[in-house]
C-alpha atoms as a PDB file:
ATOM      1  CA  MET A   1      49.264  30.733  -1.504  1.00  0.00           C
ATOM      2  CA  ALA A   2      45.573  29.452  -0.447  1.00  0.00           C
ATOM      3  CA  ASP A   3      42.927  31.981  -1.018  1.00  0.00           C
ATOM      4  CA  PRO A   4      41.700  34.122   1.518  1.00  0.00           C
ATOM      5  CA  ILE A   5      39.383  32.271   4.221  1.00  0.00           C
ATOM      6  CA  ASP A   6      35.899  33.889   4.035  1.00  0.00           C
ATOM      7  CA  PRO A   7      35.319  34.110   7.756  1.00  0.00           C
ATOM      8  CA  SER A   8      31.271  34.882   7.057  1.00  0.00           C
ATOM      9  CA  GLY A   9      31.605  31.311   4.995  1.00  0.00           C
ATOM     10  CA  LEU A  10      30.454  28.969   8.036  1.00  0.00           C
ATOM     11  CA  GLY A  11      27.876  31.182   9.123  1.00  0.00           C
ATOM     12  CA  ARG A  12      26.442  31.619   5.506  1.00  0.00           C
ATOM     13  CA  LEU A  13      26.208  27.959   5.617  1.00  0.00           C
ATOM     14  CA  LEU A  14      24.483  27.731   8.796  1.00  0.00           C
ATOM     15  CA  SER A  15      22.092  29.846   7.849  1.00  0.00           C
ATOM     16  CA  GLU A  16      21.121  28.341   4.682  1.00  0.00           C
ATOM     17  CA  THR A  17      21.081  24.997   6.398  1.00  0.00           C
ATOM     18  CA  MET A  18      18.363  26.607   8.564  1.00  0.00           C
ATOM     19  CA  SER A  19      16.368  28.085   6.574  1.00  0.00           C
ATOM     20  CA  ALA A  20      16.091  24.896   4.281  1.00  0.00           C
ATOM     21  CA  LEU A  21      15.586  22.875   7.860  1.00  0.00           C
ATOM     22  CA  GLY A  22      12.911  26.024   8.552  1.00  0.00           C
ATOM     23  CA  GLN A  23      11.264  24.821   5.100  1.00  0.00           C
ATOM     24  CA  PHE A  24      10.984  21.339   5.563  1.00  0.00           C
ATOM     25  CA  GLY A  25       9.024  21.716   9.045  1.00  0.00           C
ATOM     26  CA  GLY A  26       6.914  24.721   7.856  1.00  0.00           C
ATOM     27  CA  GLY A  27       7.671  27.616  10.031  1.00  0.00           C
ATOM     28  CA  PRO A  28       4.877  29.371  11.279  1.00  0.00           C
ATOM     29  CA  GLN A  29       1.357  28.401  10.323  1.00  0.00           C
ATOM     30  CA  ASP A  30      -0.869  31.560  11.484  1.00  0.00           C
ATOM     31  CA  ASP A  31      -1.600  32.433   8.183  1.00  0.00           C
ATOM     32  CA  VAL A  32      -2.562  28.707   7.137  1.00  0.00           C
ATOM     33  CA  VAL A  33      -6.479  28.493   6.688  1.00  0.00           C
ATOM     34  CA  PRO A  34      -7.545  24.607   7.169  1.00  0.00           C
ATOM     35  CA  PRO A  35      -9.323  22.806   4.547  1.00  0.00           C
ATOM     36  CA  GLU A  36     -13.070  22.343   4.706  1.00  0.00           C
ATOM     37  CA  GLY A  37     -14.572  19.388   3.203  1.00  0.00           C
ATOM     38  CA  VAL A  38     -18.115  19.931   1.875  1.00  0.00           C
ATOM     39  CA  GLY A  39     -20.733  17.207   1.224  1.00  0.00           C
ATOM     40  CA  GLU A  40     -24.396  17.201  -0.659  1.00  0.00           C
ATOM     41  CA  ALA A  41     -27.307  14.952  -0.767  1.00  0.00           C
ATOM     42  CA  ALA A  42     -30.955  14.727  -2.004  1.00  0.00           C
ATOM     43  CA  ASP A  43     -30.293  16.637  -5.361  1.00  0.00           C
ATOM     44  CA  GLY A  44     -28.462  19.320  -2.991  1.00  0.00           C
ATOM     45  CA  MET A  45     -31.204  20.102  -0.888  1.00  0.00           C
ATOM     46  CA  VAL A  46     -28.846  18.526   2.134  1.00  0.00           C
ATOM     47  CA  ARG A  47     -25.024  20.132   2.628  1.00  0.00           C
ATOM     48  CA  ALA A  48     -23.284  19.447   4.999  1.00  0.00           C
ATOM     49  CA  THR A  49     -19.837  21.233   5.789  1.00  0.00           C
ATOM     50  CA  VAL A  50     -16.636  19.677   8.207  1.00  0.00           C
ATOM     51  CA  ALA A  51     -13.588  20.715   9.255  1.00  0.00           C
ATOM     52  CA  PRO A  52     -10.259  18.991  11.303  1.00  0.00           C
ATOM     53  CA  PRO A  53     -10.461  16.984  12.469  1.00  0.00           C
ATOM     54  CA  GLY A  54     -13.475  15.340  11.446  1.00  0.00           C
ATOM     55  CA  ARG A  55     -16.244  18.069  13.230  1.00  0.00           C
ATOM     56  CA  VAL A  56     -19.520  19.286  11.228  1.00  0.00           C
ATOM     57  CA  THR A  57     -19.127  22.958  10.861  1.00  0.00           C
ATOM     58  CA  ALA A  58     -22.416  23.519   9.570  1.00  0.00           C
ATOM     59  CA  LEU A  59     -25.302  21.823   8.173  1.00  0.00           C
ATOM     60  CA  ALA A  60     -27.914  23.208   5.743  1.00  0.00           C
ATOM     61  CA  LEU A  61     -31.617  21.560   4.795  1.00  0.00           C
ATOM     62  CA  ASP A  62     -33.831  22.771   2.080  1.00  0.00           C
ATOM     63  CA  PRO A  63     -37.374  23.387   3.527  1.00  0.00           C
ATOM     64  CA  ARG A  64     -38.562  20.855   0.887  1.00  0.00           C
ATOM     65  CA  VAL A  65     -36.515  17.895   2.743  1.00  0.00           C
ATOM     66  CA  MET A  66     -38.633  18.448   5.660  1.00  0.00           C
ATOM     67  CA  ARG A  67     -41.607  16.714   3.612  1.00  0.00           C
ATOM     68  CA  MET A  68     -39.336  13.670   3.573  1.00  0.00           C
ATOM     69  CA  ALA A  69     -39.687  10.605   6.068  1.00  0.00           C
ATOM     70  CA  SER A  70     -37.540  10.719   9.036  1.00  0.00           C
ATOM     71  CA  GLU A  71     -35.862   7.683   8.034  1.00  0.00           C
ATOM     72  CA  SER A  72     -34.963   8.900   4.572  1.00  0.00           C
ATOM     73  CA  LEU A  73     -34.112  12.410   5.737  1.00  0.00           C
ATOM     74  CA  ALA A  74     -31.453  11.242   8.388  1.00  0.00           C
ATOM     75  CA  GLU A  75     -29.942   9.004   5.436  1.00  0.00           C
ATOM     76  CA  GLU A  76     -29.433  12.006   3.235  1.00  0.00           C
ATOM     77  CA  ILE A  77     -28.232  14.006   6.166  1.00  0.00           C
ATOM     78  CA  THR A  78     -25.599  10.880   7.120  1.00  0.00           C
ATOM     79  CA  ARG A  79     -24.420  10.514   2.854  1.00  0.00           C
ATOM     80  CA  ALA A  80     -24.254  14.267   2.692  1.00  0.00           C
ATOM     81  CA  VAL A  81     -21.795  14.031   6.037  1.00  0.00           C
ATOM     82  CA  ASN A  82     -19.820  11.234   4.592  1.00  0.00           C
ATOM     83  CA  GLU A  83     -19.585  12.722   1.184  1.00  0.00           C
ATOM     84  CA  ALA A  84     -18.069  16.010   3.171  1.00  0.00           C
ATOM     85  CA  LEU A  85     -15.591  13.911   5.200  1.00  0.00           C
ATOM     86  CA  ALA A  86     -14.784  12.304   2.066  1.00  0.00           C
ATOM     87  CA  ASP A  87     -13.818  15.615   0.398  1.00  0.00           C
ATOM     88  CA  LEU A  88     -11.973  16.668   3.546  1.00  0.00           C
ATOM     89  CA  GLN A  89      -9.702  13.721   3.539  1.00  0.00           C
ATOM     90  CA  GLU A  90      -8.948  14.119  -0.121  1.00  0.00           C
ATOM     91  CA  LYS A  91      -8.047  18.041   0.552  1.00  0.00           C
ATOM     92  CA  ALA A  92      -6.240  17.679   3.751  1.00  0.00           C
ATOM     93  CA  ALA A  93      -3.725  14.716   2.134  1.00  0.00           C
ATOM     94  CA  GLY A  94      -3.290  17.473  -0.634  1.00  0.00           C
ATOM     95  CA  ALA A  95      -2.456  20.471   1.361  1.00  0.00           C
ATOM     96  CA  VAL A  96      -0.342  19.675   4.419  1.00  0.00           C
ATOM     97  CA  PRO A  97       1.367  22.537   5.877  1.00  0.00           C
ATOM     98  CA  GLY A  98       5.039  22.690   5.473  1.00  0.00           C
ATOM     99  CA  GLN A  99       4.752  20.180   2.915  1.00  0.00           C
ATOM    100  CA  VAL A 100       8.247  20.310   0.869  1.00  0.00           C
ATOM    101  CA  ASP A 101      10.049  18.856  -2.048  1.00  0.00           C
ATOM    102  CA  LEU A 102      12.405  16.323  -0.565  1.00  0.00           C
ATOM    103  CA  GLY A 103      14.218  15.819  -3.440  1.00  0.00           C
ATOM    104  CA  GLY A 104      14.761  19.486  -4.084  1.00  0.00           C
ATOM    105  CA  LEU A 105      15.669  19.961  -0.281  1.00  0.00           C
ATOM    106  CA  GLY A 106      18.254  17.040  -0.680  1.00  0.00           C
ATOM    107  CA  ASP A 107      20.418  19.330  -3.344  1.00  0.00           C
ATOM    108  CA  GLN A 108      20.187  21.952  -1.554  1.00  0.00           C
ATOM    109  CA  LEU A 109      21.565  20.435   1.367  1.00  0.00           C
ATOM    110  CA  ARG A 110      23.780  18.459  -0.625  1.00  0.00           C
ATOM    111  CA  ARG A 111      24.966  21.739  -2.058  1.00  0.00           C
ATOM    112  CA  ILE A 112      25.678  23.272   1.546  1.00  0.00           C
ATOM    113  CA  GLN A 113      27.526  20.343   2.364  1.00  0.00           C
ATOM    114  CA  GLU A 114      29.845  20.755  -0.933  1.00  0.00           C
ATOM    115  CA  ASP A 115      29.868  24.448   0.209  1.00  0.00           C
ATOM    116  CA  ALA A 116      31.009  23.217   4.059  1.00  0.00           C
ATOM    117  CA  GLY A 117      33.588  21.116   2.513  1.00  0.00           C
ATOM    118  CA  ARG A 118      34.835  23.796   0.706  1.00  0.00           C
ATOM    119  CA  GLN A 119      35.378  26.305   3.382  1.00  0.00           C
ATOM    120  CA  LEU A 120      37.200  23.954   5.840  1.00  0.00           C
ATOM    121  CA  THR A 121      39.477  22.850   3.014  1.00  0.00           C
ATOM    122  CA  LYS A 122      40.272  26.392   2.856  1.00  0.00           C
ATOM    123  CA  PHE A 123      40.821  26.742   6.374  1.00  0.00           C
ATOM    124  CA  THR A 124      43.154  23.852   7.170  1.00  0.00           C
ATOM    125  CA  ASP A 125      45.212  24.692   3.991  1.00  0.00           C
ATOM    126  CA  SER A 126      45.850  28.027   5.738  1.00  0.00           C
ATOM    127  CA  LEU A 127      46.371  26.507   8.675  1.00  0.00           C
ATOM    128  CA  ILE A 128      48.988  24.397   7.252  1.00  0.00           C
ATOM    129  CA  GLU A 129      50.209  27.319   5.388  1.00  0.00           C
ATOM    130  CA  ALA A 130      50.636  29.022   8.481  1.00  0.00           C
ATOM    131  CA  GLN A 131      52.841  26.444  10.304  1.00  0.00           C
ATOM    132  CA  ASP A 132      55.087  25.950   7.292  1.00  0.00           C
ATOM    133  CA  ARG A 133      55.516  29.821   7.417  1.00  0.00           C
ATOM    134  CA  LEU A 134      56.542  29.651  10.958  1.00  0.00           C
ATOM    135  CA  ALA A 135      58.380  26.657  10.489  1.00  0.00           C
ATOM    136  CA  ARG A 136      60.489  28.550   8.090  1.00  0.00           C
ATOM    137  CA  GLN A 137      60.805  31.643  10.132  1.00  0.00           C
ATOM    138  CA  GLY A 138      61.954  29.530  13.203  1.00  0.00           C
ATOM    139  CA  GLY A 139      64.600  27.655  11.378  1.00  0.00           C
ATOM    140  CA  LYS A 140      66.259  30.710  10.484  1.00  0.00           C
END
Protein backbone atom coordinates (compact mmCIF):
# COMPACT_ATOMS: atom_id res chain seq x y z
CA MET A 1 0.00 0.00 0.00
CA ALA A 2 1.31 3.46 -0.88
CA ASP A 3 2.13 6.00 1.81
CA PRO A 4 -0.73 8.33 2.67
CA ILE A 5 -0.83 11.48 0.62
CA ASP A 6 0.21 14.64 2.39
CA PRO A 7 -2.57 17.03 1.36
CA SER A 8 -0.48 20.02 2.41
CA GLY A 9 2.46 18.87 0.27
CA LEU A 10 1.39 20.62 -2.90
CA GLY A 11 0.58 23.79 -0.99
CA ARG A 12 4.01 23.64 0.64
CA LEU A 13 5.65 23.20 -2.76
CA LEU A 14 3.72 26.15 -4.13
CA SER A 15 4.81 28.27 -1.15
CA GLU A 16 8.46 27.27 -1.67
CA THR A 17 8.20 28.13 -5.36
CA MET A 18 6.70 31.53 -4.62
CA SER A 19 9.40 32.17 -2.01
CA ALA A 20 12.13 31.27 -4.51
CA LEU A 21 10.61 33.54 -7.13
CA GLY A 22 10.23 36.30 -4.56
CA GLN A 23 13.95 36.09 -3.85
CA PHE A 24 14.66 36.39 -7.55
CA GLY A 25 12.37 39.37 -7.95
CA GLY A 26 13.90 41.06 -4.99
CA GLY A 27 10.65 41.74 -3.13
CA PRO A 28 10.04 45.08 -1.47
CA GLN A 29 12.95 47.48 -1.80
CA ASP A 30 11.88 50.10 0.77
CA ASP A 31 14.98 49.64 2.93
CA VAL A 32 17.47 49.64 0.05
CA VAL A 33 19.70 52.72 0.00
CA PRO A 34 20.70 53.67 -3.54
CA PRO A 35 24.45 53.78 -4.09
CA GLU A 36 26.33 57.07 -4.25
CA GLY A 37 29.42 57.86 -6.24
CA VAL A 38 32.13 60.17 -4.92
CA GLY A 39 34.93 61.82 -6.87
CA GLU A 40 37.69 64.23 -6.01
CA ALA A 41 40.01 66.49 -7.95
CA ALA A 42 42.54 69.29 -7.33
CA ASP A 43 44.19 67.32 -4.51
CA GLY A 44 40.85 66.84 -2.72
CA MET A 45 39.83 70.49 -2.87
CA VAL A 46 36.97 69.69 -5.28
CA ARG A 47 34.60 66.91 -4.20
CA ALA A 48 31.51 65.75 -6.11
CA THR A 49 28.82 63.30 -5.02
CA VAL A 50 26.35 61.74 -7.48
CA ALA A 51 23.36 59.41 -7.19
CA PRO A 52 21.27 57.42 -9.69
CA PRO A 53 20.39 58.04 -12.43
CA GLY A 54 23.40 60.34 -12.69
CA ARG A 55 22.45 63.46 -10.73
CA VAL A 56 24.97 65.59 -8.90
CA THR A 57 23.77 65.63 -5.27
CA ALA A 58 26.66 67.60 -3.76
CA LEU A 59 29.59 69.67 -4.88
CA ALA A 60 32.07 70.87 -2.28
CA LEU A 61 34.76 73.42 -3.11
CA ASP A 62 37.59 74.27 -0.77
CA PRO A 63 37.82 78.09 -0.62
CA ARG A 64 41.38 77.87 -1.94
CA VAL A 65 40.15 76.74 -5.38
CA MET A 66 38.59 80.17 -5.90
CA ARG A 67 42.08 81.47 -6.62
CA MET A 68 42.29 79.17 -9.69
CA ALA A 69 41.57 80.41 -13.18
CA SER A 70 37.96 79.74 -14.15
CA GLU A 71 39.01 77.35 -16.95
CA SER A 72 41.17 75.31 -14.54
CA LEU A 73 38.41 75.25 -11.92
CA ALA A 74 35.90 74.06 -14.53
CA GLU A 75 38.29 71.26 -15.55
CA GLU A 76 38.76 70.17 -11.93
CA ILE A 77 34.99 70.17 -11.29
CA THR A 78 34.47 68.14 -14.48
CA ARG A 79 37.18 65.70 -13.38
CA ALA A 80 35.59 65.27 -9.91
CA VAL A 81 32.10 64.75 -11.37
CA ASN A 82 33.33 62.22 -13.92
CA GLU A 83 35.23 60.35 -11.20
CA ALA A 84 32.07 60.33 -9.07
CA LEU A 85 30.01 58.99 -12.01
CA ALA A 86 32.57 56.23 -12.60
CA ASP A 87 32.46 55.37 -8.89
CA LEU A 88 28.65 55.26 -8.99
CA GLN A 89 28.67 53.03 -12.05
CA GLU A 90 31.07 50.61 -10.36
CA LYS A 91 29.01 50.51 -7.15
CA ALA A 92 25.70 50.16 -8.98
CA ALA A 93 26.99 47.22 -11.01
CA GLY A 94 27.84 45.37 -7.80
CA ALA A 95 24.72 46.30 -5.85
CA VAL A 96 21.77 45.40 -8.06
CA PRO A 97 18.68 45.08 -5.78
CA GLY A 98 17.29 41.56 -5.76
CA GLN A 99 20.40 40.06 -7.25
CA VAL A 100 20.27 36.31 -6.66
CA ASP A 101 22.64 33.41 -7.18
CA LEU A 102 20.97 31.88 -10.25
CA GLY A 103 22.74 28.55 -9.71
CA GLY A 104 21.32 28.34 -6.20
CA LEU A 105 17.87 29.34 -7.42
CA GLY A 106 18.05 26.66 -10.12
CA ASP A 107 19.00 24.02 -7.54
CA GLN A 108 16.15 25.11 -5.28
CA LEU A 109 13.62 25.01 -8.12
CA ARG A 110 14.93 21.60 -9.25
CA ARG A 111 14.41 20.26 -5.72
CA ILE A 112 10.89 21.71 -5.66
CA GLN A 113 10.17 20.06 -9.01
CA GLU A 114 11.40 16.69 -7.72
CA ASP A 115 9.27 17.02 -4.56
CA ALA A 116 6.24 17.90 -6.68
CA GLY A 117 6.90 14.86 -8.87
CA ARG A 118 7.01 12.58 -5.82
CA GLN A 119 3.79 14.09 -4.45
CA LEU A 120 2.01 13.64 -7.78
CA THR A 121 3.28 10.06 -8.05
CA LYS A 122 1.92 9.29 -4.56
CA PHE A 123 -1.38 10.89 -5.50
CA THR A 124 -1.63 8.90 -8.74
CA ASP A 125 -0.66 5.64 -6.99
CA SER A 126 -3.32 6.23 -4.35
CA LEU A 127 -5.95 6.87 -7.01
CA ILE A 128 -5.00 3.67 -8.83
CA GLU A 129 -5.09 1.72 -5.58
CA ALA A 130 -8.52 3.15 -4.73
CA GLN A 131 -9.78 2.28 -8.21
CA ASP A 132 -8.47 -1.30 -7.82
CA ARG A 133 -10.22 -1.65 -4.43
CA LEU A 134 -13.47 -0.38 -5.91
CA ALA A 135 -13.14 -2.83 -8.81
CA ARG A 136 -12.51 -5.74 -6.39
CA GLN A 137 -15.45 -4.77 -4.21
CA GLY A 138 -17.72 -4.47 -7.24
CA GLY A 139 -16.65 -7.96 -8.39
CA LYS A 140 -17.74 -9.68 -5.16
